[in-house]
Amino acid sequence: MNYKFLCVWVFSVLAFAKAYPQQTANQDSYSFTLEEAVNYGLEHNYQAINAKRDIAKALKQKWETTATGLPQIDGNVDYQYQIKQPITPLPGEIIGGTPGTFVPVTFAPRQSAVVTATLRQLIFDGSYIVALEASKTFLDFSKNANNKTKLEVRKGIISAYGGVLLTQENIEIIDRNLTALTKNLEETTKIYENGLAEEEDVEQLKITKSQLVNQWNGAKRQEDIAMDMLKLALGINLQTPLNLTDDLAVLALKNMDPSITFNSLNLEKNADFQIATNFTEQRRLEYKLEKAKALPKLSGFVNYGVNSFNDDFTFLDSDNKWYGQSIAGVSLSVPIFSSLGRQARTDRAKIAWDQALTDLDRAREEIRLTYQTSLNNYQTAIDNYRTSKENLRLAERIENKNQIKFREGISSSFDLRQAQTQLYSTQATYLQSMFEVITEKANLETILNTPEFTNQK
């Protein structure tokens, strides 16, 4: 084995192992933190893979455009077999015949072959120069679109990862609530059977339990859907087991970063603005292209060929005679008059460019508005998290007090059910607030391009 190839192979294996340390060797299952999930998804997400291929296509298209202005060589082989040879009549007096008569003569041989090669070179074409600029712009667009895809994939994975943790945490809370409620129901049922409680007390608890059971069933179904959505975002087969190692509460605390709100918006780094700029540049080049079509086009060529003919097929024989021929020349094409059709196309392209400039201004203001909205949503999410955390603590105290009062016969089952329902609602709000902190920060980072994806593959 080549030593250089071995070194590269070993380095690649070590790099892969470092990037995905928790991934099993046989690819039968995966275990990711959020950061590992994002890194994996950026490489394996279906849209991310195709976005990279778009860059490869743009590179090929750029060379395809460049090659049209470089020397072009075409080869051509023609073979003819005359099934019925044409006859040319000649005056009979040429061979001493009677005047007014004709002698049929065959001039062309039955078989002929011609082999030619032609070199063409574009000398000047204004459209070609513009096309080179346009191919570079298209490449920049493909790279910016790739960066946009990366940002969206990252945001989608963060949202999907948080969604799975949200459903899993919700299931755990419902489990704990069900356990406590079932114990409470059993105790109340025994008290009722001993004649020390009202039947309504038991019924109220049964209603609450049936609602919790429905919530648990719905949460389990939602967990399966959320997990499949995450696998799809990661580019993992839906049948492959996936384990998430991060915790929702820990992630929420990590993503509470007020310092990000002090980052000013840099439009030049925003992926949407970069794409809008590419689109405007494309329209400008289309206008420039229409203007360039009014310029002359100059090209040159050199042709060389050989031909041979015979009544029999002897072209592959070594002693067959071939006769050479060669031509060189230039071609100049000058647009003169198009009944103002060319001017109309140029004017239309100019209008389209003006529209693109207006759209760019609109995109600039929309991005600024989106940034302000996202910034406000993130700050609100942090406030909601802090408020819901405190409300959860209060709801737990209220529910606990009502439990004590209910056991002592001071409070009714209706009051206890209200306290329990309030607790369950507050728990759900608290989980949602943690999820929103994570996703709203991801939205803000997408606008700011905080990962700073550059125009690299």
Protein backbone atom coordinates (compact mmCIF):
# COMPACT_ATOMS: atom_id res chain seq x y z
CA MET A 1 0.00 0.00 0.00
CA ASN A 2 1.22 3.51 -0.88
CA TYR A 3 2.64 5.17 2.29
CA LYS A 4 1.08 8.56 1.54
CA PHE A 5 -2.34 6.97 0.99
CA LEU A 6 -1.98 5.05 4.28
CA CYS A 7 -1.26 8.26 6.21
CA VAL A 8 -4.25 10.02 4.71
CA TRP A 9 -6.49 7.04 5.46
CA VAL A 10 -5.35 6.84 9.11
CA PHE A 11 -5.83 10.58 9.56
CA SER A 12 -9.34 10.41 8.10
CA VAL A 13 -10.32 7.55 10.42
CA LEU A 14 -8.99 9.40 13.48
CA ALA A 15 -10.77 12.60 12.47
CA PHE A 16 -14.04 10.74 11.99
CA ALA A 17 -13.68 9.05 15.38
CA LYS A 18 -13.06 12.41 17.04
CA ALA A 19 -16.05 14.02 15.37
CA TYR A 20 -18.47 11.25 16.32
CA PRO A 21 -17.11 9.56 19.44
CA GLN A 22 -20.44 8.12 20.57
CA GLN A 23 -21.46 6.65 17.24
CA THR A 24 -21.29 2.88 17.19
CA ALA A 25 -18.85 1.26 14.80
CA ASN A 26 -21.41 -0.78 12.95
CA GLN A 27 -23.76 2.18 12.35
CA ASP A 28 -26.63 0.22 13.93
CA SER A 29 -27.46 2.98 16.40
CA TYR A 30 -26.56 6.56 17.23
CA SER A 31 -26.12 8.56 20.42
CA PHE A 32 -25.73 12.33 20.14
CA THR A 33 -25.44 15.45 22.19
CA LEU A 34 -27.02 18.45 20.50
CA GLU A 35 -23.68 19.67 19.21
CA GLU A 36 -22.82 16.23 17.83
CA ALA A 37 -26.24 16.00 16.21
CA VAL A 38 -25.73 19.36 14.46
CA ASN A 39 -22.27 18.36 13.22
CA TYR A 40 -23.58 15.04 11.95
CA GLY A 41 -26.60 16.62 10.29
CA LEU A 42 -24.52 19.20 8.45
CA GLU A 43 -22.76 16.33 6.70
CA HIS A 44 -25.60 13.85 6.24
CA ASN A 45 -28.81 15.88 5.94
CA TYR A 46 -30.38 15.29 2.53
CA GLN A 47 -30.70 18.99 1.67
CA ALA A 48 -27.16 19.70 2.88
CA ILE A 49 -25.78 16.96 0.63
CA ASN A 50 -27.59 18.31 -2.42
CA ALA A 51 -26.55 21.89 -1.60
CA LYS A 52 -22.92 20.76 -1.80
CA ARG A 53 -23.67 19.10 -5.11
CA ASP A 54 -25.12 22.39 -6.36
CA ILE A 55 -21.70 23.97 -5.74
CA ALA A 56 -20.04 21.16 -7.69
CA LYS A 57 -22.52 21.74 -10.54
CA ALA A 58 -21.80 25.48 -10.47
CA LEU A 59 -18.06 24.81 -10.72
CA LYS A 60 -18.65 22.57 -13.73
CA GLN A 61 -20.90 25.16 -15.31
CA LYS A 62 -18.27 27.84 -14.78
CA TRP A 63 -15.69 25.76 -16.63
CA GLU A 64 -18.25 24.90 -19.30
CA THR A 65 -18.73 28.62 -19.93
CA THR A 66 -14.99 29.30 -19.87
CA ALA A 67 -14.32 26.49 -22.34
CA THR A 68 -16.55 28.06 -25.00
CA GLY A 69 -13.91 30.78 -25.47
CA LEU A 70 -11.00 28.36 -25.67
CA PRO A 71 -9.85 26.46 -28.77
CA GLN A 72 -12.36 23.92 -30.07
CA ILE A 73 -11.33 21.04 -32.32
CA ASP A 74 -13.89 19.00 -34.22
CA GLY A 75 -13.19 15.91 -36.29
CA ASN A 76 -15.37 14.67 -39.10
CA VAL A 77 -15.32 11.51 -41.25
CA ASP A 78 -17.59 11.23 -44.29
CA TYR A 79 -17.99 8.13 -46.44
CA GLN A 80 -20.19 7.94 -49.54
CA TYR A 81 -21.22 5.00 -51.67
CA GLN A 82 -23.13 5.91 -54.81
CA ILE A 83 -25.67 3.17 -55.39
CA LYS A 84 -26.51 4.70 -58.76
CA GLN A 85 -23.80 6.94 -60.12
CA PRO A 86 -24.92 10.21 -61.72
CA ILE A 87 -24.50 10.52 -65.47
CA THR A 88 -23.34 13.72 -67.16
CA PRO A 89 -24.17 14.09 -70.90
CA LEU A 90 -21.37 15.47 -73.10
CA PRO A 91 -21.74 16.63 -76.73
CA GLY A 92 -20.95 13.75 -79.11
CA GLU A 93 -18.62 15.88 -81.27
CA ILE A 94 -16.10 15.96 -78.41
CA ILE A 95 -15.22 12.34 -79.18
CA GLY A 96 -15.83 12.62 -82.92
CA GLY A 97 -19.50 11.76 -82.85
CA THR A 98 -22.39 13.26 -84.74
CA PRO A 99 -23.20 16.83 -83.79
CA GLY A 100 -26.42 17.07 -81.81
CA THR A 101 -25.85 13.76 -80.08
CA PHE A 102 -24.67 13.20 -76.50
CA VAL A 103 -22.35 10.75 -74.84
CA PRO A 104 -23.18 9.65 -71.25
CA VAL A 105 -20.11 10.03 -69.00
CA THR A 106 -19.64 9.17 -65.30
CA PHE A 107 -17.30 11.65 -63.60
CA ALA A 108 -17.64 10.72 -59.90
CA PRO A 109 -16.15 7.51 -58.54
CA ARG A 110 -18.56 5.07 -56.88
CA GLN A 111 -16.96 5.44 -53.39
CA SER A 112 -15.29 8.37 -51.59
CA ALA A 113 -14.04 9.20 -48.11
CA VAL A 114 -13.16 12.53 -46.50
CA VAL A 115 -11.44 13.00 -43.10
CA THR A 116 -11.24 16.55 -41.74
CA ALA A 117 -10.26 18.32 -38.51
CA THR A 118 -11.26 21.91 -37.77
CA LEU A 119 -9.77 24.21 -35.12
CA ARG A 120 -12.04 27.10 -34.09
CA GLN A 121 -11.10 29.96 -31.81
CA LEU A 122 -13.32 32.73 -30.50
CA ILE A 123 -11.42 35.98 -30.86
CA PHE A 124 -13.94 38.49 -29.51
CA ASP A 125 -17.50 38.19 -28.25
CA GLY A 126 -18.96 40.59 -25.71
CA SER A 127 -21.52 38.01 -24.68
CA TYR A 128 -18.75 35.61 -23.74
CA ILE A 129 -17.16 38.14 -21.39
CA VAL A 130 -20.49 38.71 -19.66
CA ALA A 131 -21.08 34.96 -19.47
CA LEU A 132 -17.80 34.55 -17.58
CA GLU A 133 -18.97 37.13 -15.04
CA ALA A 134 -22.34 35.44 -14.77
CA SER A 135 -20.79 32.02 -14.13
CA LYS A 136 -18.81 33.47 -11.22
CA THR A 137 -21.98 35.08 -9.84
CA PHE A 138 -23.82 31.78 -10.13
CA LEU A 139 -21.02 30.05 -8.24
CA ASP A 140 -21.24 32.67 -5.48
CA PHE A 141 -25.00 32.15 -5.38
CA SER A 142 -24.57 28.38 -5.03
CA LYS A 143 -22.12 28.87 -2.17
CA ASN A 144 -24.42 31.33 -0.42
CA ALA A 145 -27.36 28.98 -0.94
CA ASN A 146 -25.26 26.22 0.61
CA ASN A 147 -24.56 28.44 3.62
CA LYS A 148 -28.27 29.21 3.90
CA THR A 149 -29.04 25.50 3.78
CA LYS A 150 -26.50 24.84 6.53
CA LEU A 151 -28.11 27.49 8.73
CA GLU A 152 -31.59 26.09 8.13
CA VAL A 153 -30.42 22.52 8.71
CA ARG A 154 -28.74 23.59 11.95
CA LYS A 155 -31.87 25.42 13.10
CA GLY A 156 -34.07 22.49 12.11
CA ILE A 157 -31.92 19.99 14.01
CA ILE A 158 -31.89 22.18 17.13
CA SER A 159 -35.67 22.51 16.98
CA ALA A 160 -36.19 18.78 16.33
CA TYR A 161 -33.71 17.77 19.04
CA GLY A 162 -35.42 20.09 21.53
CA GLY A 163 -38.81 18.77 20.42
CA VAL A 164 -37.82 15.20 21.26
CA LEU A 165 -36.47 16.24 24.67
CA LEU A 166 -39.68 18.22 25.27
CA THR A 167 -41.90 15.19 24.60
CA GLN A 168 -39.67 12.88 26.63
CA GLU A 169 -39.61 15.25 29.60
CA ASN A 170 -43.36 15.68 29.30
CA ILE A 171 -43.85 11.91 29.44
CA GLU A 172 -41.70 11.71 32.56
CA ILE A 173 -43.70 14.44 34.29
CA ILE A 174 -47.02 12.83 33.35
CA ASP A 175 -45.68 9.52 34.68
CA ARG A 176 -44.87 11.14 38.02
CA ASN A 177 -48.23 12.89 38.11
CA LEU A 178 -50.03 9.63 37.31
CA THR A 179 -48.14 7.77 40.02
CA ALA A 180 -49.02 10.38 42.64
CA LEU A 181 -52.62 10.68 41.43
CA THR A 182 -53.14 6.90 41.36
CA LYS A 183 -51.92 6.64 44.95
CA ASN A 184 -54.20 9.51 45.93
CA LEU A 185 -57.16 7.87 44.18
CA GLU A 186 -56.55 4.55 45.92
CA GLU A 187 -56.40 6.24 49.31
CA THR A 188 -59.54 8.29 48.62
CA THR A 189 -61.40 5.20 47.38
CA LYS A 190 -60.62 3.36 50.64
CA ILE A 191 -61.75 6.35 52.68
CA TYR A 192 -64.95 6.51 50.65
CA GLU A 193 -65.58 2.79 51.14
CA ASN A 194 -65.27 3.38 54.87
CA GLY A 195 -67.87 6.12 54.63
CA LEU A 196 -65.49 8.96 55.44
CA ALA A 197 -65.47 10.63 51.98
CA GLU A 198 -67.93 11.69 49.33
CA GLU A 199 -68.37 9.73 46.12
CA GLU A 200 -67.72 12.97 44.23
CA ASP A 201 -64.20 13.03 45.66
CA VAL A 202 -63.45 9.72 43.98
CA GLU A 203 -65.12 10.77 40.73
CA GLN A 204 -63.18 14.03 40.54
CA LEU A 205 -59.91 12.12 40.89
CA LYS A 206 -61.01 9.59 38.26
CA ILE A 207 -61.73 12.42 35.81
CA THR A 208 -58.29 13.88 36.41
CA LYS A 209 -56.63 10.49 35.99
CA SER A 210 -58.42 9.74 32.71
CA GLN A 211 -57.25 13.09 31.37
CA LEU A 212 -53.67 12.33 32.39
CA VAL A 213 -53.84 8.92 30.74
CA ASN A 214 -55.00 10.54 27.50
CA GLN A 215 -52.18 13.07 27.76
CA TRP A 216 -49.65 10.28 28.31
CA ASN A 217 -50.89 8.33 25.28
CA GLY A 218 -50.78 11.46 23.13
CA ALA A 219 -47.28 12.32 24.39
CA LYS A 220 -46.00 8.84 23.53
CA ARG A 221 -47.34 9.11 20.00
CA GLN A 222 -45.86 12.58 19.72
CA GLU A 223 -42.49 11.26 20.90
CA ASP A 224 -42.36 8.79 18.00
CA ILE A 225 -43.21 11.52 15.50
CA ALA A 226 -40.70 13.95 17.02
CA MET A 227 -37.96 11.32 16.95
CA ASP A 228 -38.65 10.49 13.30
CA MET A 229 -38.55 14.20 12.45
CA LEU A 230 -35.13 14.46 14.10
CA LYS A 231 -33.84 11.39 12.25
CA LEU A 232 -35.07 12.85 8.98
CA ALA A 233 -33.30 16.14 9.74
CA LEU A 234 -30.10 14.22 10.53
CA GLY A 235 -30.29 12.03 7.44
CA ILE A 236 -30.65 8.84 9.50
CA ASN A 237 -32.84 5.89 8.54
CA LEU A 238 -36.08 6.10 10.50
CA GLN A 239 -35.68 2.50 11.69
CA THR A 240 -32.27 3.15 13.28
CA PRO A 241 -32.26 3.60 17.09
CA LEU A 242 -31.25 7.08 18.27
CA ASN A 243 -30.43 8.16 21.80
CA LEU A 244 -30.22 11.81 22.93
CA THR A 245 -27.77 12.48 25.73
CA ASP A 246 -28.49 16.16 26.47
CA ASP A 247 -31.05 17.39 28.98
CA LEU A 248 -33.74 19.96 28.16
CA ALA A 249 -33.21 22.04 31.30
CA VAL A 250 -29.43 22.05 30.85
CA LEU A 251 -29.76 23.09 27.21
CA ALA A 252 -32.15 25.89 28.17
CA LEU A 253 -29.64 27.27 30.67
CA LYS A 254 -26.82 27.01 28.12
CA ASN A 255 -28.88 28.93 25.57
CA MET A 256 -29.78 31.78 27.89
CA ASP A 257 -27.10 34.12 26.62
CA PRO A 258 -28.16 37.76 26.99
CA SER A 259 -24.86 38.88 25.42
CA ILE A 260 -26.11 37.79 21.99
CA THR A 261 -28.72 40.54 22.17
CA PHE A 262 -25.91 43.10 22.08
CA ASN A 263 -24.65 41.82 18.71
CA SER A 264 -25.58 44.25 15.99
CA LEU A 265 -26.98 42.99 12.71
CA ASN A 266 -24.40 42.81 9.92
CA LEU A 267 -26.36 42.58 6.70
CA GLU A 268 -23.29 41.49 4.74
CA LYS A 269 -23.16 38.30 6.82
CA ASN A 270 -26.86 37.53 6.55
CA ALA A 271 -27.46 34.62 4.16
CA ASP A 272 -30.76 35.97 2.82
CA PHE A 273 -29.18 39.33 2.02
CA GLN A 274 -26.26 37.63 0.29
CA ILE A 275 -28.66 35.65 -1.89
CA ALA A 276 -30.71 38.78 -2.65
CA THR A 277 -27.48 40.54 -3.66
CA ASN A 278 -26.61 37.62 -5.96
CA PHE A 279 -30.02 37.87 -7.58
CA THR A 280 -29.57 41.61 -8.16
CA GLU A 281 -26.15 41.02 -9.69
CA GLN A 282 -27.67 38.39 -11.97
CA ARG A 283 -30.20 40.92 -13.28
CA ARG A 284 -27.43 43.46 -13.85
CA LEU A 285 -25.46 40.96 -15.89
CA GLU A 286 -28.56 40.07 -17.92
CA TYR A 287 -28.86 43.75 -18.80
CA LYS A 288 -25.16 43.90 -19.65
CA LEU A 289 -25.56 40.78 -21.79
CA GLU A 290 -28.31 42.35 -23.88
CA LYS A 291 -26.10 45.38 -24.46
CA ALA A 292 -23.16 43.15 -25.40
CA LYS A 293 -25.24 41.45 -28.09
CA ALA A 294 -24.98 44.68 -30.12
CA LEU A 295 -21.20 44.26 -30.39
CA PRO A 296 -19.47 42.47 -33.29
CA LYS A 297 -18.45 38.84 -32.93
CA LEU A 298 -15.12 37.71 -34.37
CA SER A 299 -13.89 34.13 -34.63
CA GLY A 300 -11.25 32.26 -36.62
CA PHE A 301 -10.79 28.73 -37.85
CA VAL A 302 -8.22 26.41 -39.43
CA ASN A 303 -9.31 23.33 -41.33
CA TYR A 304 -7.24 20.42 -42.54
CA GLY A 305 -8.45 17.24 -44.21
CA VAL A 306 -7.69 14.43 -46.60
CA ASN A 307 -9.90 12.73 -49.16
CA SER A 308 -9.74 9.63 -51.27
CA PHE A 309 -11.94 8.01 -53.93
CA ASN A 310 -12.19 4.80 -55.85
CA ASP A 311 -14.71 2.50 -57.40
CA ASP A 312 -13.72 -0.14 -54.85
CA PHE A 313 -13.39 0.12 -51.04
CA THR A 314 -9.62 0.51 -50.72
CA PHE A 315 -9.50 3.23 -48.08
CA LEU A 316 -8.00 1.00 -45.41
CA ASP A 317 -5.26 -0.31 -47.68
CA SER A 318 -1.75 0.87 -46.89
CA ASP A 319 -1.06 1.90 -50.47
CA ASN A 320 -4.31 3.85 -50.87
CA LYS A 321 -3.73 7.43 -51.94
CA TRP A 322 -5.08 10.33 -49.85
CA TYR A 323 -5.11 13.93 -51.04
CA GLY A 324 -4.73 16.73 -48.54
CA GLN A 325 -6.61 20.02 -48.30
CA SER A 326 -6.55 22.91 -45.79
CA ILE A 327 -8.43 26.17 -45.25
CA ALA A 328 -7.93 29.04 -42.76
CA GLY A 329 -10.17 32.02 -42.25
CA VAL A 330 -11.96 34.42 -39.95
CA SER A 331 -15.61 35.25 -39.52
CA LEU A 332 -16.95 38.62 -38.43
CA SER A 333 -20.60 39.02 -37.50
CA VAL A 334 -21.92 42.57 -37.03
CA PRO A 335 -25.49 43.21 -35.81
CA ILE A 336 -26.90 46.04 -37.93
CA PHE A 337 -30.67 46.31 -37.66
CA SER A 338 -33.23 44.30 -35.67
CA SER A 339 -36.32 46.49 -36.08
CA LEU A 340 -35.70 47.76 -32.51
CA GLY A 341 -36.22 44.23 -31.15
CA ARG A 342 -32.76 44.21 -29.59
CA GLN A 343 -33.39 47.59 -27.96
CA ALA A 344 -36.66 46.31 -26.52
CA ARG A 345 -34.88 43.32 -24.98
CA THR A 346 -32.24 45.63 -23.53
CA ASP A 347 -34.88 47.94 -22.06
CA ARG A 348 -36.74 44.98 -20.59
CA ALA A 349 -33.54 43.73 -18.94
CA LYS A 350 -32.92 47.21 -17.51
CA ILE A 351 -36.41 47.26 -16.01
CA ALA A 352 -35.82 43.82 -14.47
CA TRP A 353 -32.57 45.11 -12.95
CA ASP A 354 -34.38 48.11 -11.47
CA GLN A 355 -36.97 45.75 -10.00
CA ALA A 356 -34.19 43.64 -8.46
CA LEU A 357 -32.66 46.75 -6.88
CA THR A 358 -36.04 47.61 -5.37
CA ASP A 359 -36.41 44.03 -4.12
CA LEU A 360 -32.95 44.28 -2.56
CA ASP A 361 -34.02 47.40 -0.64
CA ARG A 362 -37.16 45.59 0.50
CA ALA A 363 -35.13 42.53 1.55
CA ARG A 364 -32.81 44.77 3.54
CA GLU A 365 -35.69 46.25 5.53
CA GLU A 366 -37.44 42.89 5.93
CA ILE A 367 -34.27 41.33 7.35
CA ARG A 368 -33.92 44.19 9.82
CA LEU A 369 -37.53 43.72 10.88
CA THR A 370 -37.06 39.97 11.18
CA TYR A 371 -33.99 40.56 13.32
CA GLN A 372 -35.86 42.90 15.67
CA THR A 373 -38.75 40.43 15.89
CA SER A 374 -36.43 37.51 16.58
CA LEU A 375 -34.51 39.54 19.16
CA ASN A 376 -37.75 40.42 20.92
CA ASN A 377 -38.94 36.80 20.79
CA TYR A 378 -35.69 35.58 22.33
CA GLN A 379 -35.81 38.11 25.15
CA THR A 380 -39.47 37.23 25.73
CA ALA A 381 -38.61 33.53 25.79
CA ILE A 382 -36.04 34.14 28.53
CA ASP A 383 -38.55 36.19 30.53
CA ASN A 384 -41.21 33.49 30.08
CA TYR A 385 -38.77 30.83 31.24
CA ARG A 386 -37.96 32.69 34.43
CA THR A 387 -41.62 33.45 35.09
CA SER A 388 -42.80 29.89 34.36
CA LYS A 389 -40.08 28.47 36.60
CA GLU A 390 -41.28 30.61 39.50
CA ASN A 391 -44.93 29.82 38.67
CA LEU A 392 -44.13 26.11 38.72
CA ARG A 393 -42.69 26.43 42.18
CA LEU A 394 -45.83 28.25 43.35
CA ALA A 395 -48.17 25.77 41.62
CA GLU A 396 -46.40 22.86 43.32
CA ARG A 397 -46.83 24.56 46.72
CA ILE A 398 -50.51 25.26 46.03
CA GLU A 399 -51.17 21.69 44.90
CA ASN A 400 -49.33 20.31 47.92
CA LYS A 401 -51.33 22.49 50.31
CA ASN A 402 -54.59 21.40 48.69
CA GLN A 403 -53.54 17.77 49.02
CA ILE A 404 -53.04 18.26 52.76
CA LYS A 405 -56.31 20.15 53.11
CA PHE A 406 -58.16 17.46 51.16
CA ARG A 407 -56.81 14.67 53.34
CA GLU A 408 -57.81 16.61 56.45
CA GLY A 409 -61.26 17.27 55.03
CA ILE A 410 -60.81 21.04 54.94
CA SER A 411 -60.78 21.33 51.13
CA SER A 412 -63.15 19.81 48.56
CA SER A 413 -62.20 17.46 45.74
CA PHE A 414 -63.15 20.20 43.29
CA ASP A 415 -60.56 22.53 44.85
CA LEU A 416 -57.95 19.79 44.71
CA ARG A 417 -58.71 19.08 41.05
CA GLN A 418 -58.37 22.77 40.22
CA ALA A 419 -54.98 22.87 41.95
CA GLN A 420 -53.86 19.73 40.12
CA THR A 421 -55.03 21.03 36.75
CA GLN A 422 -53.20 24.29 37.39
CA LEU A 423 -50.04 22.37 38.28
CA TYR A 424 -50.20 20.25 35.13
CA SER A 425 -50.76 23.32 32.98
CA THR A 426 -47.86 25.13 34.65
CA GLN A 427 -45.59 22.13 34.12
CA ALA A 428 -46.42 22.12 30.41
CA THR A 429 -45.81 25.87 30.20
CA TYR A 430 -42.46 25.45 31.92
CA LEU A 431 -41.37 22.75 29.46
CA GLN A 432 -42.53 24.87 26.52
CA SER A 433 -40.62 27.89 27.84
CA MET A 434 -37.37 25.90 27.91
CA PHE A 435 -37.99 24.70 24.37
CA GLU A 436 -38.67 28.25 23.19
CA VAL A 437 -35.44 29.56 24.72
CA ILE A 438 -33.52 26.99 22.67
CA THR A 439 -35.39 27.52 19.39
CA GLU A 440 -35.61 31.32 19.59
CA LYS A 441 -31.87 31.54 20.12
CA ALA A 442 -31.37 29.32 17.09
CA ASN A 443 -33.62 31.65 15.06
CA LEU A 444 -31.59 34.67 16.17
CA GLU A 445 -28.30 32.92 15.40
CA THR A 446 -29.58 32.04 11.92
CA ILE A 447 -30.25 35.70 11.17
CA LEU A 448 -26.91 36.81 12.60
CA ASN A 449 -25.10 33.86 10.99
CA THR A 450 -23.42 33.32 14.34
CA PRO A 451 -21.91 29.99 13.21
CA GLU A 452 -20.29 32.13 10.49
CA PHE A 453 -20.63 29.63 7.68
CA THR A 454 -18.38 30.91 4.91
CA ASN A 455 -18.31 30.25 1.20
CA GLN A 456 -16.54 26.97 1.66
CA LYS A 457 -17.74 23.44 1.06
